[in-house]
């Protein structure tokens, strides 16, 4: 998951958090903008990871939840997520 976060952050320049599994990956992206941006992220990851696009769900969020020491609070991502696909991750 860390590798996917780094790939998206480096290529698209957006803050990202990833949860799930290899075949059910939720890519939380801080305000990626247009729908095309989310599609672009899915295509890019599918190409680089050689995994079907349907394995990736890109979810725009306002901010990545972090604790006092700055670590991502992954459990809060799924709590605040309306996608049933990702909330089962």
C-alpha atoms as a PDB file:
ATOM      1  CA  UNK A   1       0.000   0.000   0.000  1.00  0.00           C
ATOM      2  CA  UNK A   2       2.853   2.375   0.804  1.00  0.00           C
ATOM      3  CA  UNK A   3       4.244   1.887  -2.692  1.00  0.00           C
ATOM      4  CA  UNK A   4       0.913   2.833  -4.274  1.00  0.00           C
ATOM      5  CA  UNK A   5       0.673   5.931  -2.058  1.00  0.00           C
ATOM      6  CA  UNK A   6       4.154   6.995  -3.140  1.00  0.00           C
ATOM      7  CA  UNK A   7       3.425   6.343  -6.833  1.00  0.00           C
ATOM      8  CA  UNK A   8       0.277   8.490  -6.800  1.00  0.00           C
ATOM      9  CA  UNK A   9       1.878  11.272  -4.747  1.00  0.00           C
ATOM     10  CA  UNK A  10       4.947  11.423  -6.969  1.00  0.00           C
ATOM     11  CA  UNK A  11       3.155  11.179 -10.330  1.00  0.00           C
ATOM     12  CA  UNK A  12       0.098  13.336  -9.596  1.00  0.00           C
ATOM     13  CA  UNK A  13       1.391  15.568  -6.802  1.00  0.00           C
ATOM     14  CA  UNK A  14      -1.608  14.942  -4.544  1.00  0.00           C
ATOM     15  CA  UNK A  15      -1.805  13.843  -0.915  1.00  0.00           C
ATOM     16  CA  UNK A  16      -2.914  10.206  -0.806  1.00  0.00           C
ATOM     17  CA  UNK A  17      -3.757   7.369   1.582  1.00  0.00           C
ATOM     18  CA  UNK A  18      -4.383   3.788   0.473  1.00  0.00           C
ATOM     19  CA  UNK A  19      -6.216   0.978   2.245  1.00  0.00           C
ATOM     20  CA  UNK A  20      -7.641  -2.404   1.325  1.00  0.00           C
ATOM     21  CA  UNK A  21      -6.038  -5.350  -0.437  1.00  0.00           C
ATOM     22  CA  UNK A  22      -4.416  -6.018  -3.813  1.00  0.00           C
ATOM     23  CA  UNK A  23      -7.768  -6.721  -5.472  1.00  0.00           C
ATOM     24  CA  UNK A  24      -9.833  -4.161  -3.535  1.00  0.00           C
ATOM     25  CA  UNK A  25      -7.727  -1.033  -3.124  1.00  0.00           C
ATOM     26  CA  UNK A  26      -9.192   2.263  -1.945  1.00  0.00           C
ATOM     27  CA  UNK A  27      -7.182   5.287  -3.024  1.00  0.00           C
ATOM     28  CA  UNK A  28      -8.140   8.307  -0.916  1.00  0.00           C
ATOM     29  CA  UNK A  29      -6.996  11.458  -2.684  1.00  0.00           C
ATOM     30  CA  UNK A  30      -7.192  14.930  -1.238  1.00  0.00           C
ATOM     31  CA  UNK A  31      -9.419  16.905  -3.616  1.00  0.00           C
ATOM     32  CA  UNK A  32      -8.254  15.472  -6.951  1.00  0.00           C
ATOM     33  CA  UNK A  33     -10.523  17.878  -8.816  1.00  0.00           C
ATOM     34  CA  UNK A  34     -12.393  16.618 -11.845  1.00  0.00           C
ATOM     35  CA  UNK A  35     -13.735  13.090 -12.389  1.00  0.00           C
ATOM     36  CA  UNK A  36     -11.162  12.693 -15.162  1.00  0.00           C
ATOM     37  CA  UNK A  37      -8.407  12.979 -12.557  1.00  0.00           C
ATOM     38  CA  UNK A  38      -9.760   9.981 -10.644  1.00  0.00           C
ATOM     39  CA  UNK A  39     -10.029   8.017 -13.896  1.00  0.00           C
ATOM     40  CA  UNK A  40      -6.463   9.002 -14.762  1.00  0.00           C
ATOM     41  CA  UNK A  41      -5.218   7.731 -11.388  1.00  0.00           C
ATOM     42  CA  UNK A  42      -7.011   4.407 -11.927  1.00  0.00           C
ATOM     43  CA  UNK A  43      -5.524   4.014 -15.417  1.00  0.00           C
ATOM     44  CA  UNK A  44      -2.042   4.919 -14.224  1.00  0.00           C
ATOM     45  CA  UNK A  45      -2.110   2.441 -11.321  1.00  0.00           C
ATOM     46  CA  UNK A  46      -3.599  -0.308 -13.452  1.00  0.00           C
ATOM     47  CA  UNK A  47      -0.843   0.157 -16.017  1.00  0.00           C
ATOM     48  CA  UNK A  48       1.996   0.341 -13.479  1.00  0.00           C
ATOM     49  CA  UNK A  49       0.788  -2.469 -11.189  1.00  0.00           C
ATOM     50  CA  UNK A  50      -0.615  -4.676 -13.970  1.00  0.00           C
ATOM     51  CA  UNK A  51      -3.857  -5.011 -12.005  1.00  0.00           C
ATOM     52  CA  UNK A  52      -7.339  -4.478 -13.468  1.00  0.00           C
ATOM     53  CA  UNK A  53      -8.733  -0.941 -13.056  1.00  0.00           C
ATOM     54  CA  UNK A  54     -11.766  -2.314 -11.204  1.00  0.00           C
ATOM     55  CA  UNK A  55      -9.428  -3.222  -8.324  1.00  0.00           C
ATOM     56  CA  UNK A  56      -8.946   0.496  -7.625  1.00  0.00           C
ATOM     57  CA  UNK A  57     -11.537   2.885  -6.254  1.00  0.00           C
ATOM     58  CA  UNK A  58     -10.456   6.526  -6.116  1.00  0.00           C
ATOM     59  CA  UNK A  59     -12.232   8.509  -3.415  1.00  0.00           C
ATOM     60  CA  UNK A  60     -11.856  12.295  -3.160  1.00  0.00           C
ATOM     61  CA  UNK A  61     -11.631  13.581   0.422  1.00  0.00           C
ATOM     62  CA  UNK A  62     -11.020  16.981   1.993  1.00  0.00           C
ATOM     63  CA  UNK A  63      -8.081  15.881   4.137  1.00  0.00           C
ATOM     64  CA  UNK A  64      -6.217  12.801   5.306  1.00  0.00           C
ATOM     65  CA  UNK A  65      -7.067  12.156   8.986  1.00  0.00           C
ATOM     66  CA  UNK A  66      -3.911  12.222  11.106  1.00  0.00           C
ATOM     67  CA  UNK A  67      -3.124  11.721  14.780  1.00  0.00           C
ATOM     68  CA  UNK A  68      -1.116  14.131  16.932  1.00  0.00           C
ATOM     69  CA  UNK A  69       2.195  12.728  15.664  1.00  0.00           C
ATOM     70  CA  UNK A  70       1.137  13.115  12.016  1.00  0.00           C
ATOM     71  CA  UNK A  71       0.517   9.443  11.222  1.00  0.00           C
ATOM     72  CA  UNK A  72      -2.419   8.573   8.961  1.00  0.00           C
ATOM     73  CA  UNK A  73      -5.453   7.241  10.822  1.00  0.00           C
ATOM     74  CA  UNK A  74      -6.545   4.644   8.274  1.00  0.00           C
ATOM     75  CA  UNK A  75      -9.512   3.449  10.346  1.00  0.00           C
ATOM     76  CA  UNK A  76     -11.035   6.927  10.096  1.00  0.00           C
ATOM     77  CA  UNK A  77     -10.838   6.827   6.300  1.00  0.00           C
ATOM     78  CA  UNK A  78     -13.218   3.883   6.105  1.00  0.00           C
ATOM     79  CA  UNK A  79     -15.457   5.256   8.881  1.00  0.00           C
ATOM     80  CA  UNK A  80     -16.066   8.427   6.869  1.00  0.00           C
ATOM     81  CA  UNK A  81     -16.365   6.677   3.527  1.00  0.00           C
ATOM     82  CA  UNK A  82     -19.712   6.236   1.823  1.00  0.00           C
ATOM     83  CA  UNK A  83     -18.414   3.623  -0.667  1.00  0.00           C
ATOM     84  CA  UNK A  84     -19.490   0.122   0.348  1.00  0.00           C
ATOM     85  CA  UNK A  85     -16.742  -1.232  -1.899  1.00  0.00           C
ATOM     86  CA  UNK A  86     -14.092   0.351   0.281  1.00  0.00           C
ATOM     87  CA  UNK A  87     -15.756   0.150   3.658  1.00  0.00           C
ATOM     88  CA  UNK A  88     -15.422  -3.636   3.504  1.00  0.00           C
ATOM     89  CA  UNK A  89     -11.656  -3.380   2.995  1.00  0.00           C
END
